[in-house]
PDB file of N, CA and C in Angstrom:
ATOM      1  N   MET A   1     -40.766 -72.363 -48.354  1.00  0.00           N
ATOM      2  CA  MET A   1     -40.503 -71.493 -49.476  1.00  0.00           C
ATOM      3  C   MET A   1     -39.357 -70.557 -49.109  1.00  0.00           C
ATOM      4  N   LEU A   2     -38.541 -70.256 -50.090  1.00  0.00           N
ATOM      5  CA  LEU A   2     -37.465 -69.302 -49.867  1.00  0.00           C
ATOM      6  C   LEU A   2     -38.014 -67.883 -49.906  1.00  0.00           C
ATOM      7  N   TYR A   3     -37.471 -67.047 -49.016  1.00  0.00           N
ATOM      8  CA  TYR A   3     -37.812 -65.629 -48.983  1.00  0.00           C
ATOM      9  C   TYR A   3     -36.534 -64.819 -49.028  1.00  0.00           C
ATOM     10  N   THR A   4     -36.542 -63.779 -49.872  1.00  0.00           N
ATOM     11  CA  THR A   4     -35.409 -62.859 -49.933  1.00  0.00           C
ATOM     12  C   THR A   4     -35.710 -61.657 -49.052  1.00  0.00           C
ATOM     13  N   PHE A   5     -34.711 -61.254 -48.321  1.00  0.00           N
ATOM     14  CA  PHE A   5     -34.749 -60.052 -47.509  1.00  0.00           C
ATOM     15  C   PHE A   5     -33.705 -59.114 -48.111  1.00  0.00           C
ATOM     16  N   HIS A   6     -34.146 -58.043 -48.736  1.00  0.00           N
ATOM     17  CA  HIS A   6     -33.251 -57.052 -49.333  1.00  0.00           C
ATOM     18  C   HIS A   6     -33.393 -55.796 -48.490  1.00  0.00           C
ATOM     19  N   MET A   7     -32.332 -55.450 -47.762  1.00  0.00           N
ATOM     20  CA  MET A   7     -32.425 -54.388 -46.767  1.00  0.00           C
ATOM     21  C   MET A   7     -31.281 -53.395 -46.953  1.00  0.00           C
ATOM     22  N   ILE A   8     -31.624 -52.122 -46.990  1.00  0.00           N
ATOM     23  CA  ILE A   8     -30.652 -51.049 -47.200  1.00  0.00           C
ATOM     24  C   ILE A   8     -30.521 -50.264 -45.893  1.00  0.00           C
ATOM     25  N   ASP A   9     -29.273 -50.055 -45.475  1.00  0.00           N
ATOM     26  CA  ASP A   9     -29.006 -49.323 -44.229  1.00  0.00           C
ATOM     27  C   ASP A   9     -29.393 -47.848 -44.342  1.00  0.00           C
ATOM     28  N   ARG A  10     -29.702 -47.255 -43.205  1.00  0.00           N
ATOM     29  CA  ARG A  10     -29.790 -45.797 -43.114  1.00  0.00           C
ATOM     30  C   ARG A  10     -28.403 -45.229 -43.416  1.00  0.00           C
ATOM     31  N   SER A  11     -28.338 -44.030 -43.919  1.00  0.00           N
ATOM     32  CA  SER A  11     -27.043 -43.437 -44.279  1.00  0.00           C
ATOM     33  C   SER A  11     -26.142 -43.207 -43.073  1.00  0.00           C
ATOM     34  N   ASP A  12     -26.707 -43.057 -41.889  1.00  0.00           N
ATOM     35  CA  ASP A  12     -25.924 -42.789 -40.678  1.00  0.00           C
ATOM     36  C   ASP A  12     -25.737 -44.029 -39.809  1.00  0.00           C
ATOM     37  N   ALA A  13     -25.873 -45.217 -40.375  1.00  0.00           N
ATOM     38  CA  ALA A  13     -25.969 -46.434 -39.568  1.00  0.00           C
ATOM     39  C   ALA A  13     -24.664 -47.217 -39.410  1.00  0.00           C
ATOM     40  N   GLY A  14     -23.539 -46.698 -39.876  1.00  0.00           N
ATOM     41  CA  GLY A  14     -22.286 -47.447 -39.821  1.00  0.00           C
ATOM     42  C   GLY A  14     -21.907 -47.918 -38.432  1.00  0.00           C
ATOM     43  N   ASP A  15     -21.932 -47.022 -37.445  1.00  0.00           N
ATOM     44  CA  ASP A  15     -21.571 -47.409 -36.080  1.00  0.00           C
ATOM     45  C   ASP A  15     -22.585 -48.371 -35.485  1.00  0.00           C
ATOM     46  N   LEU A  16     -23.874 -48.121 -35.747  1.00  0.00           N
ATOM     47  CA  LEU A  16     -24.923 -49.006 -35.239  1.00  0.00           C
ATOM     48  C   LEU A  16     -24.758 -50.413 -35.800  1.00  0.00           C
ATOM     49  N   ARG A  17     -24.432 -50.521 -37.085  1.00  0.00           N
ATOM     50  CA  ARG A  17     -24.220 -51.844 -37.704  1.00  0.00           C
ATOM     51  C   ARG A  17     -23.131 -52.607 -36.956  1.00  0.00           C
ATOM     52  N   GLN A  18     -22.025 -51.954 -36.659  1.00  0.00           N
ATOM     53  CA  GLN A  18     -20.921 -52.624 -35.972  1.00  0.00           C
ATOM     54  C   GLN A  18     -21.302 -53.027 -34.546  1.00  0.00           C
ATOM     55  N   GLN A  19     -22.069 -52.190 -33.871  1.00  0.00           N
ATOM     56  CA  GLN A  19     -22.482 -52.495 -32.496  1.00  0.00           C
ATOM     57  C   GLN A  19     -23.420 -53.696 -32.434  1.00  0.00           C
ATOM     58  N   VAL A  20     -24.342 -53.789 -33.378  1.00  0.00           N
ATOM     59  CA  VAL A  20     -25.388 -54.814 -33.333  1.00  0.00           C
ATOM     60  C   VAL A  20     -24.970 -56.090 -34.071  1.00  0.00           C
ATOM     61  N   ARG A  21     -23.895 -56.040 -34.829  1.00  0.00           N
ATOM     62  CA  ARG A  21     -23.500 -57.168 -35.676  1.00  0.00           C
ATOM     63  C   ARG A  21     -23.348 -58.491 -34.916  1.00  0.00           C
ATOM     64  N   PRO A  22     -22.750 -58.542 -33.727  1.00  0.00           N
ATOM     65  CA  PRO A  22     -22.668 -59.839 -33.033  1.00  0.00           C
ATOM     66  C   PRO A  22     -24.052 -60.451 -32.753  1.00  0.00           C
ATOM     67  N   ALA A  23     -25.013 -59.629 -32.355  1.00  0.00           N
ATOM     68  CA  ALA A  23     -26.371 -60.137 -32.103  1.00  0.00           C
ATOM     69  C   ALA A  23     -27.025 -60.589 -33.410  1.00  0.00           C
ATOM     70  N   HIS A  24     -26.786 -59.855 -34.481  1.00  0.00           N
ATOM     71  CA  HIS A  24     -27.307 -60.220 -35.803  1.00  0.00           C
ATOM     72  C   HIS A  24     -26.775 -61.588 -36.227  1.00  0.00           C
ATOM     73  N   LYS A  25     -25.484 -61.790 -36.087  1.00  0.00           N
ATOM     74  CA  LYS A  25     -24.877 -63.067 -36.483  1.00  0.00           C
ATOM     75  C   LYS A  25     -25.382 -64.216 -35.610  1.00  0.00           C
ATOM     76  N   ALA A  26     -25.567 -63.972 -34.330  1.00  0.00           N
ATOM     77  CA  ALA A  26     -26.105 -65.003 -33.436  1.00  0.00           C
ATOM     78  C   ALA A  26     -27.539 -65.356 -33.821  1.00  0.00           C
ATOM     79  N   TYR A  27     -28.319 -64.351 -34.208  1.00  0.00           N
ATOM     80  CA  TYR A  27     -29.706 -64.591 -34.624  1.00  0.00           C
ATOM     81  C   TYR A  27     -29.739 -65.405 -35.912  1.00  0.00           C
ATOM     82  N   LEU A  28     -28.867 -65.087 -36.850  1.00  0.00           N
ATOM     83  CA  LEU A  28     -28.775 -65.872 -38.081  1.00  0.00           C
ATOM     84  C   LEU A  28     -28.376 -67.315 -37.783  1.00  0.00           C
ATOM     85  N   ALA A  29     -27.501 -67.513 -36.819  1.00  0.00           N
ATOM     86  CA  ALA A  29     -27.063 -68.869 -36.477  1.00  0.00           C
ATOM     87  C   ALA A  29     -28.229 -69.748 -36.033  1.00  0.00           C
ATOM     88  N   GLN A  30     -29.279 -69.148 -35.494  1.00  0.00           N
ATOM     89  CA  GLN A  30     -30.444 -69.917 -35.060  1.00  0.00           C
ATOM     90  C   GLN A  30     -31.200 -70.539 -36.227  1.00  0.00           C
ATOM     91  N   VAL A  31     -31.036 -69.998 -37.429  1.00  0.00           N
ATOM     92  CA  VAL A  31     -31.699 -70.546 -38.622  1.00  0.00           C
ATOM     93  C   VAL A  31     -30.689 -70.983 -39.681  1.00  0.00           C
ATOM     94  N   GLN A  32     -29.461 -71.227 -39.271  1.00  0.00           N
ATOM     95  CA  GLN A  32     -28.392 -71.490 -40.235  1.00  0.00           C
ATOM     96  C   GLN A  32     -28.678 -72.669 -41.164  1.00  0.00           C
ATOM     97  N   ASP A  33     -29.430 -73.650 -40.697  1.00  0.00           N
ATOM     98  CA  ASP A  33     -29.736 -74.799 -41.546  1.00  0.00           C
ATOM     99  C   ASP A  33     -30.791 -74.478 -42.610  1.00  0.00           C
ATOM    100  N   ARG A  34     -31.388 -73.292 -42.542  1.00  0.00           N
ATOM    101  CA  ARG A  34     -32.405 -72.884 -43.517  1.00  0.00           C
ATOM    102  C   ARG A  34     -31.944 -71.728 -44.397  1.00  0.00           C
ATOM    103  N   ILE A  35     -30.684 -71.291 -44.242  1.00  0.00           N
ATOM    104  CA  ILE A  35     -30.168 -70.169 -45.027  1.00  0.00           C
ATOM    105  C   ILE A  35     -29.630 -70.671 -46.363  1.00  0.00           C
ATOM    106  N   ALA A  36     -30.178 -70.134 -47.466  1.00  0.00           N
ATOM    107  CA  ALA A  36     -29.643 -70.441 -48.796  1.00  0.00           C
ATOM    108  C   ALA A  36     -28.381 -69.617 -49.034  1.00  0.00           C
ATOM    109  N   PHE A  37     -28.447 -68.331 -48.705  1.00  0.00           N
ATOM    110  CA  PHE A  37     -27.265 -67.480 -48.675  1.00  0.00           C
ATOM    111  C   PHE A  37     -27.578 -66.223 -47.893  1.00  0.00           C
ATOM    112  N   ALA A  38     -26.517 -65.581 -47.417  1.00  0.00           N
ATOM    113  CA  ALA A  38     -26.673 -64.394 -46.590  1.00  0.00           C
ATOM    114  C   ALA A  38     -25.373 -63.615 -46.580  1.00  0.00           C
ATOM    115  N   GLY A  39     -25.501 -62.293 -46.556  1.00  0.00           N
ATOM    116  CA  GLY A  39     -24.307 -61.470 -46.446  1.00  0.00           C
ATOM    117  C   GLY A  39     -24.626 -60.004 -46.603  1.00  0.00           C
ATOM    118  N   PRO A  40     -23.603 -59.173 -46.376  1.00  0.00           N
ATOM    119  CA  PRO A  40     -23.800 -57.729 -46.487  1.00  0.00           C
ATOM    120  C   PRO A  40     -23.797 -57.267 -47.936  1.00  0.00           C
ATOM    121  N   LEU A  41     -24.568 -56.229 -48.201  1.00  0.00           N
ATOM    122  CA  LEU A  41     -24.456 -55.495 -49.455  1.00  0.00           C
ATOM    123  C   LEU A  41     -23.343 -54.480 -49.259  1.00  0.00           C
ATOM    124  N   LEU A  42     -22.504 -54.304 -50.282  1.00  0.00           N
ATOM    125  CA  LEU A  42     -21.302 -53.483 -50.154  1.00  0.00           C
ATOM    126  C   LEU A  42     -21.306 -52.306 -51.111  1.00  0.00           C
ATOM    127  N   ASP A  43     -20.599 -51.253 -50.719  1.00  0.00           N
ATOM    128  CA  ASP A  43     -20.286 -50.170 -51.646  1.00  0.00           C
ATOM    129  C   ASP A  43     -19.305 -50.697 -52.685  1.00  0.00           C
ATOM    130  N   GLU A  44     -19.051 -49.911 -53.690  1.00  0.00           N
ATOM    131  CA  GLU A  44     -18.132 -50.316 -54.760  1.00  0.00           C
ATOM    132  C   GLU A  44     -16.700 -50.532 -54.277  1.00  0.00           C
ATOM    133  N   ASP A  45     -16.362 -50.034 -53.087  1.00  0.00           N
ATOM    134  CA  ASP A  45     -15.021 -50.281 -52.559  1.00  0.00           C
ATOM    135  C   ASP A  45     -14.853 -51.728 -52.101  1.00  0.00           C
ATOM    136  N   GLY A  46     -15.958 -52.481 -52.072  1.00  0.00           N
ATOM    137  CA  GLY A  46     -15.899 -53.886 -51.700  1.00  0.00           C
ATOM    138  C   GLY A  46     -15.753 -54.135 -50.210  1.00  0.00           C
ATOM    139  N   GLN A  47     -15.814 -53.093 -49.394  1.00  0.00           N
ATOM    140  CA  GLN A  47     -15.621 -53.254 -47.959  1.00  0.00           C
ATOM    141  C   GLN A  47     -16.699 -52.584 -47.110  1.00  0.00           C
ATOM    142  N   THR A  48     -17.184 -51.429 -47.539  1.00  0.00           N
ATOM    143  CA  THR A  48     -18.150 -50.681 -46.743  1.00  0.00           C
ATOM    144  C   THR A  48     -19.525 -51.332 -46.847  1.00  0.00           C
ATOM    145  N   MET A  49     -20.055 -51.771 -45.696  1.00  0.00           N
ATOM    146  CA  MET A  49     -21.348 -52.434 -45.664  1.00  0.00           C
ATOM    147  C   MET A  49     -22.459 -51.404 -45.738  1.00  0.00           C
ATOM    148  N   ARG A  50     -23.435 -51.652 -46.633  1.00  0.00           N
ATOM    149  CA  ARG A  50     -24.536 -50.715 -46.857  1.00  0.00           C
ATOM    150  C   ARG A  50     -25.907 -51.361 -46.751  1.00  0.00           C
ATOM    151  N   GLY A  51     -25.962 -52.631 -46.411  1.00  0.00           N
ATOM    152  CA  GLY A  51     -27.241 -53.317 -46.303  1.00  0.00           C
ATOM    153  C   GLY A  51     -27.020 -54.802 -46.133  1.00  0.00           C
ATOM    154  N   SER A  52     -28.092 -55.556 -46.298  1.00  0.00           N
ATOM    155  CA  SER A  52     -28.038 -57.010 -46.134  1.00  0.00           C
ATOM    156  C   SER A  52     -28.891 -57.667 -47.210  1.00  0.00           C
ATOM    157  N   LEU A  53     -28.455 -58.833 -47.644  1.00  0.00           N
ATOM    158  CA  LEU A  53     -29.229 -59.673 -48.551  1.00  0.00           C
ATOM    159  C   LEU A  53     -29.244 -61.073 -47.952  1.00  0.00           C
ATOM    160  N   LEU A  54     -30.428 -61.534 -47.628  1.00  0.00           N
ATOM    161  CA  LEU A  54     -30.595 -62.848 -47.019  1.00  0.00           C
ATOM    162  C   LEU A  54     -31.611 -63.630 -47.833  1.00  0.00           C
ATOM    163  N   VAL A  55     -31.397 -64.921 -47.982  1.00  0.00           N
ATOM    164  CA  VAL A  55     -32.398 -65.812 -48.562  1.00  0.00           C
ATOM    165  C   VAL A  55     -32.522 -66.989 -47.606  1.00  0.00           C
ATOM    166  N   ILE A  56     -33.712 -67.105 -47.008  1.00  0.00           N
ATOM    167  CA  ILE A  56     -33.936 -68.075 -45.937  1.00  0.00           C
ATOM    168  C   ILE A  56     -35.244 -68.808 -46.202  1.00  0.00           C
ATOM    169  N   ASP A  57     -35.260 -70.090 -45.893  1.00  0.00           N
ATOM    170  CA  ASP A  57     -36.440 -70.930 -46.063  1.00  0.00           C
ATOM    171  C   ASP A  57     -37.382 -70.771 -44.864  1.00  0.00           C
ATOM    172  N   PHE A  58     -38.634 -70.420 -45.143  1.00  0.00           N
ATOM    173  CA  PHE A  58     -39.678 -70.319 -44.125  1.00  0.00           C
ATOM    174  C   PHE A  58     -40.923 -71.028 -44.654  1.00  0.00           C
ATOM    175  N   PRO A  59     -41.767 -71.547 -43.773  1.00  0.00           N
ATOM    176  CA  PRO A  59     -42.952 -72.261 -44.241  1.00  0.00           C
ATOM    177  C   PRO A  59     -43.975 -71.347 -44.924  1.00  0.00           C
ATOM    178  N   HIS A  60     -43.979 -70.061 -44.574  1.00  0.00           N
ATOM    179  CA  HIS A  60     -44.923 -69.109 -45.169  1.00  0.00           C
ATOM    180  C   HIS A  60     -44.462 -67.689 -44.851  1.00  0.00           C
ATOM    181  N   ARG A  61     -45.060 -66.724 -45.537  1.00  0.00           N
ATOM    182  CA  ARG A  61     -44.674 -65.313 -45.407  1.00  0.00           C
ATOM    183  C   ARG A  61     -44.801 -64.816 -43.966  1.00  0.00           C
ATOM    184  N   GLU A  62     -45.854 -65.229 -43.268  1.00  0.00           N
ATOM    185  CA  GLU A  62     -46.056 -64.771 -41.897  1.00  0.00           C
ATOM    186  C   GLU A  62     -44.885 -65.179 -41.004  1.00  0.00           C
ATOM    187  N   ALA A  63     -44.342 -66.375 -41.222  1.00  0.00           N
ATOM    188  CA  ALA A  63     -43.179 -66.831 -40.445  1.00  0.00           C
ATOM    189  C   ALA A  63     -41.951 -65.990 -40.767  1.00  0.00           C
ATOM    190  N   ALA A  64     -41.790 -65.641 -42.041  1.00  0.00           N
ATOM    191  CA  ALA A  64     -40.663 -64.789 -42.442  1.00  0.00           C
ATOM    192  C   ALA A  64     -40.794 -63.403 -41.802  1.00  0.00           C
ATOM    193  N   LEU A  65     -41.995 -62.865 -41.793  1.00  0.00           N
ATOM    194  CA  LEU A  65     -42.221 -61.552 -41.180  1.00  0.00           C
ATOM    195  C   LEU A  65     -42.006 -61.592 -39.664  1.00  0.00           C
ATOM    196  N   ALA A  66     -42.434 -62.667 -39.026  1.00  0.00           N
ATOM    197  CA  ALA A  66     -42.229 -62.806 -37.584  1.00  0.00           C
ATOM    198  C   ALA A  66     -40.743 -62.885 -37.266  1.00  0.00           C
ATOM    199  N   TRP A  67     -39.984 -63.625 -38.094  1.00  0.00           N
ATOM    200  CA  TRP A  67     -38.532 -63.714 -37.899  1.00  0.00           C
ATOM    201  C   TRP A  67     -37.895 -62.330 -38.076  1.00  0.00           C
ATOM    202  N   LEU A  68     -38.309 -61.614 -39.129  1.00  0.00           N
ATOM    203  CA  LEU A  68     -37.763 -60.291 -39.406  1.00  0.00           C
ATOM    204  C   LEU A  68     -38.029 -59.326 -38.254  1.00  0.00           C
ATOM    205  N   ALA A  69     -39.184 -59.394 -37.649  1.00  0.00           N
ATOM    206  CA  ALA A  69     -39.539 -58.477 -36.571  1.00  0.00           C
ATOM    207  C   ALA A  69     -38.563 -58.558 -35.405  1.00  0.00           C
ATOM    208  N   GLN A  70     -37.970 -59.734 -35.196  1.00  0.00           N
ATOM    209  CA  GLN A  70     -37.035 -59.935 -34.089  1.00  0.00           C
ATOM    210  C   GLN A  70     -35.570 -59.837 -34.518  1.00  0.00           C
ATOM    211  N   GLU A  71     -35.315 -59.698 -35.822  1.00  0.00           N
ATOM    212  CA  GLU A  71     -33.936 -59.651 -36.325  1.00  0.00           C
ATOM    213  C   GLU A  71     -33.249 -58.413 -35.745  1.00  0.00           C
ATOM    214  N   PRO A  72     -32.076 -58.564 -35.123  1.00  0.00           N
ATOM    215  CA  PRO A  72     -31.449 -57.459 -34.382  1.00  0.00           C
ATOM    216  C   PRO A  72     -31.194 -56.181 -35.179  1.00  0.00           C
ATOM    217  N   PHE A  73     -30.712 -56.266 -36.413  1.00  0.00           N
ATOM    218  CA  PHE A  73     -30.508 -55.046 -37.196  1.00  0.00           C
ATOM    219  C   PHE A  73     -31.845 -54.334 -37.418  1.00  0.00           C
ATOM    220  N   HIS A  74     -32.856 -55.095 -37.779  1.00  0.00           N
ATOM    221  CA  HIS A  74     -34.175 -54.520 -38.033  1.00  0.00           C
ATOM    222  C   HIS A  74     -34.748 -53.910 -36.754  1.00  0.00           C
ATOM    223  N   ALA A  75     -34.667 -54.648 -35.648  1.00  0.00           N
ATOM    224  CA  ALA A  75     -35.208 -54.180 -34.367  1.00  0.00           C
ATOM    225  C   ALA A  75     -34.487 -52.921 -33.876  1.00  0.00           C
ATOM    226  N   ALA A  76     -33.205 -52.791 -34.222  1.00  0.00           N
ATOM    227  CA  ALA A  76     -32.421 -51.629 -33.795  1.00  0.00           C
ATOM    228  C   ALA A  76     -32.649 -50.406 -34.685  1.00  0.00           C
ATOM    229  N   GLY A  77     -33.394 -50.574 -35.778  1.00  0.00           N
ATOM    230  CA  GLY A  77     -33.661 -49.442 -36.666  1.00  0.00           C
ATOM    231  C   GLY A  77     -32.550 -49.159 -37.655  1.00  0.00           C
ATOM    232  N   LEU A  78     -31.730 -50.163 -37.959  1.00  0.00           N
ATOM    233  CA  LEU A  78     -30.603 -49.974 -38.874  1.00  0.00           C
ATOM    234  C   LEU A  78     -31.049 -49.686 -40.309  1.00  0.00           C
ATOM    235  N   TYR A  79     -32.123 -50.317 -40.732  1.00  0.00           N
ATOM    236  CA  TYR A  79     -32.496 -50.272 -42.144  1.00  0.00           C
ATOM    237  C   TYR A  79     -33.408 -49.105 -42.492  1.00  0.00           C
ATOM    238  N   ALA A  80     -33.104 -48.454 -43.615  1.00  0.00           N
ATOM    239  CA  ALA A  80     -33.968 -47.416 -44.176  1.00  0.00           C
ATOM    240  C   ALA A  80     -35.032 -48.044 -45.068  1.00  0.00           C
ATOM    241  N   GLN A  81     -34.688 -49.182 -45.695  1.00  0.00           N
ATOM    242  CA  GLN A  81     -35.600 -49.880 -46.601  1.00  0.00           C
ATOM    243  C   GLN A  81     -35.518 -51.372 -46.349  1.00  0.00           C
ATOM    244  N   VAL A  82     -36.677 -52.020 -46.380  1.00  0.00           N
ATOM    245  CA  VAL A  82     -36.740 -53.474 -46.250  1.00  0.00           C
ATOM    246  C   VAL A  82     -37.733 -53.987 -47.276  1.00  0.00           C
ATOM    247  N   GLN A  83     -37.300 -54.968 -48.067  1.00  0.00           N
ATOM    248  CA  GLN A  83     -38.189 -55.633 -49.012  1.00  0.00           C
ATOM    249  C   GLN A  83     -38.135 -57.126 -48.741  1.00  0.00           C
ATOM    250  N   LEU A  84     -39.288 -57.758 -48.757  1.00  0.00           N
ATOM    251  CA  LEU A  84     -39.402 -59.198 -48.565  1.00  0.00           C
ATOM    252  C   LEU A  84     -40.153 -59.767 -49.758  1.00  0.00           C
ATOM    253  N   HIS A  85     -39.560 -60.788 -50.381  1.00  0.00           N
ATOM    254  CA  HIS A  85     -40.185 -61.410 -51.548  1.00  0.00           C
ATOM    255  C   HIS A  85     -40.030 -62.919 -51.472  1.00  0.00           C
ATOM    256  N   ALA A  86     -41.062 -63.633 -51.910  1.00  0.00           N
ATOM    257  CA  ALA A  86     -40.927 -65.070 -52.118  1.00  0.00           C
ATOM    258  C   ALA A  86     -39.958 -65.267 -53.293  1.00  0.00           C
ATOM    259  N   PHE A  87     -39.213 -66.363 -53.254  1.00  0.00           N
ATOM    260  CA  PHE A  87     -38.159 -66.582 -54.250  1.00  0.00           C
ATOM    261  C   PHE A  87     -38.112 -68.055 -54.631  1.00  0.00           C
ATOM    262  N   LEU A  88     -37.965 -68.317 -55.911  1.00  0.00           N
ATOM    263  CA  LEU A  88     -37.800 -69.672 -56.418  1.00  0.00           C
ATOM    264  C   LEU A  88     -36.431 -69.769 -57.071  1.00  0.00           C
ATOM    265  N   ASN A  89     -35.544 -70.567 -56.511  1.00  0.00           N
ATOM    266  CA  ASN A  89     -34.192 -70.719 -57.051  1.00  0.00           C
ATOM    267  C   ASN A  89     -34.225 -71.757 -58.171  1.00  0.00           C
ATOM    268  N   LEU A  90     -34.023 -71.299 -59.392  1.00  0.00           N
ATOM    269  CA  LEU A  90     -34.051 -72.181 -60.556  1.00  0.00           C
ATOM    270  C   LEU A  90     -32.666 -72.451 -61.136  1.00  0.00           C
ATOM    271  N   TRP A  91     -31.623 -71.887 -60.496  1.00  0.00           N
ATOM    272  CA  TRP A  91     -30.283 -72.030 -61.060  1.00  0.00           C
ATOM    273  C   TRP A  91     -29.340 -72.519 -59.971  1.00  0.00           C
ATOM    274  N   PRO A  92     -28.623 -73.618 -60.219  1.00  0.00           N
ATOM    275  CA  PRO A  92     -27.697 -74.112 -59.192  1.00  0.00           C
ATOM    276  C   PRO A  92     -26.541 -73.139 -58.974  1.00  0.00           C
ATOM    277  N   GLN A  93     -26.257 -72.873 -57.728  1.00  0.00           N
ATOM    278  CA  GLN A  93     -25.199 -71.915 -57.405  1.00  0.00           C
ATOM    279  C   GLN A  93     -23.835 -72.508 -57.720  1.00  0.00           C
ATOM    280  N   ARG A  94     -23.016 -71.744 -58.437  1.00  0.00           N
ATOM    281  CA  ARG A  94     -21.666 -72.170 -58.824  1.00  0.00           C
ATOM    282  C   ARG A  94     -20.582 -71.277 -58.228  1.00  0.00           C
ATOM    283  N   VAL A  95     -20.940 -70.038 -57.934  1.00  0.00           N
ATOM    284  CA  VAL A  95     -19.948 -69.082 -57.418  1.00  0.00           C
ATOM    285  C   VAL A  95     -20.519 -68.398 -56.184  1.00  0.00           C
ATOM    286  N   GLY A  96     -19.654 -67.689 -55.465  1.00  0.00           N
ATOM    287  CA  GLY A  96     -20.091 -66.908 -54.336  1.00  0.00           C
ATOM    288  C   GLY A  96     -20.082 -67.630 -53.006  1.00  0.00           C
ATOM    289  N   PHE A  97     -19.518 -68.819 -52.964  1.00  0.00           N
ATOM    290  CA  PHE A  97     -19.450 -69.549 -51.695  1.00  0.00           C
ATOM    291  C   PHE A  97     -18.466 -68.880 -50.750  1.00  0.00           C
ATOM    292  N   ALA A  98     -18.774 -68.917 -49.470  1.00  0.00           N
ATOM    293  CA  ALA A  98     -17.865 -68.337 -48.474  1.00  0.00           C
ATOM    294  C   ALA A  98     -16.520 -69.057 -48.525  1.00  0.00           C
ATOM    295  N   PRO A  99     -15.441 -68.290 -48.280  1.00  0.00           N
ATOM    296  CA  PRO A  99     -14.102 -68.924 -48.318  1.00  0.00           C
ATOM    297  C   PRO A  99     -13.928 -69.942 -47.204  1.00  0.00           C
TER     298      PRO A  99
END
């Protein structure tokens, strides 16, 4: 089942995000074949990262929570808010593909 991870950074987390980002990307690479989409949430300037939105396939919620517990941004305390929801994709993606 797909699970959405909607995570909002702490207001003071800009430097921490940059420091931990290589570990975060490496951790995502371990599940890259199960990622429906993933990327940073941005401010209106289109550049300042303010959170993360991930949609990843897991066999059940407990597996998604176990993965989240080890996710480097989460483990480092970057996020002020984290929401996890089961998700059913009913619409074929047409836009938003990485360049």
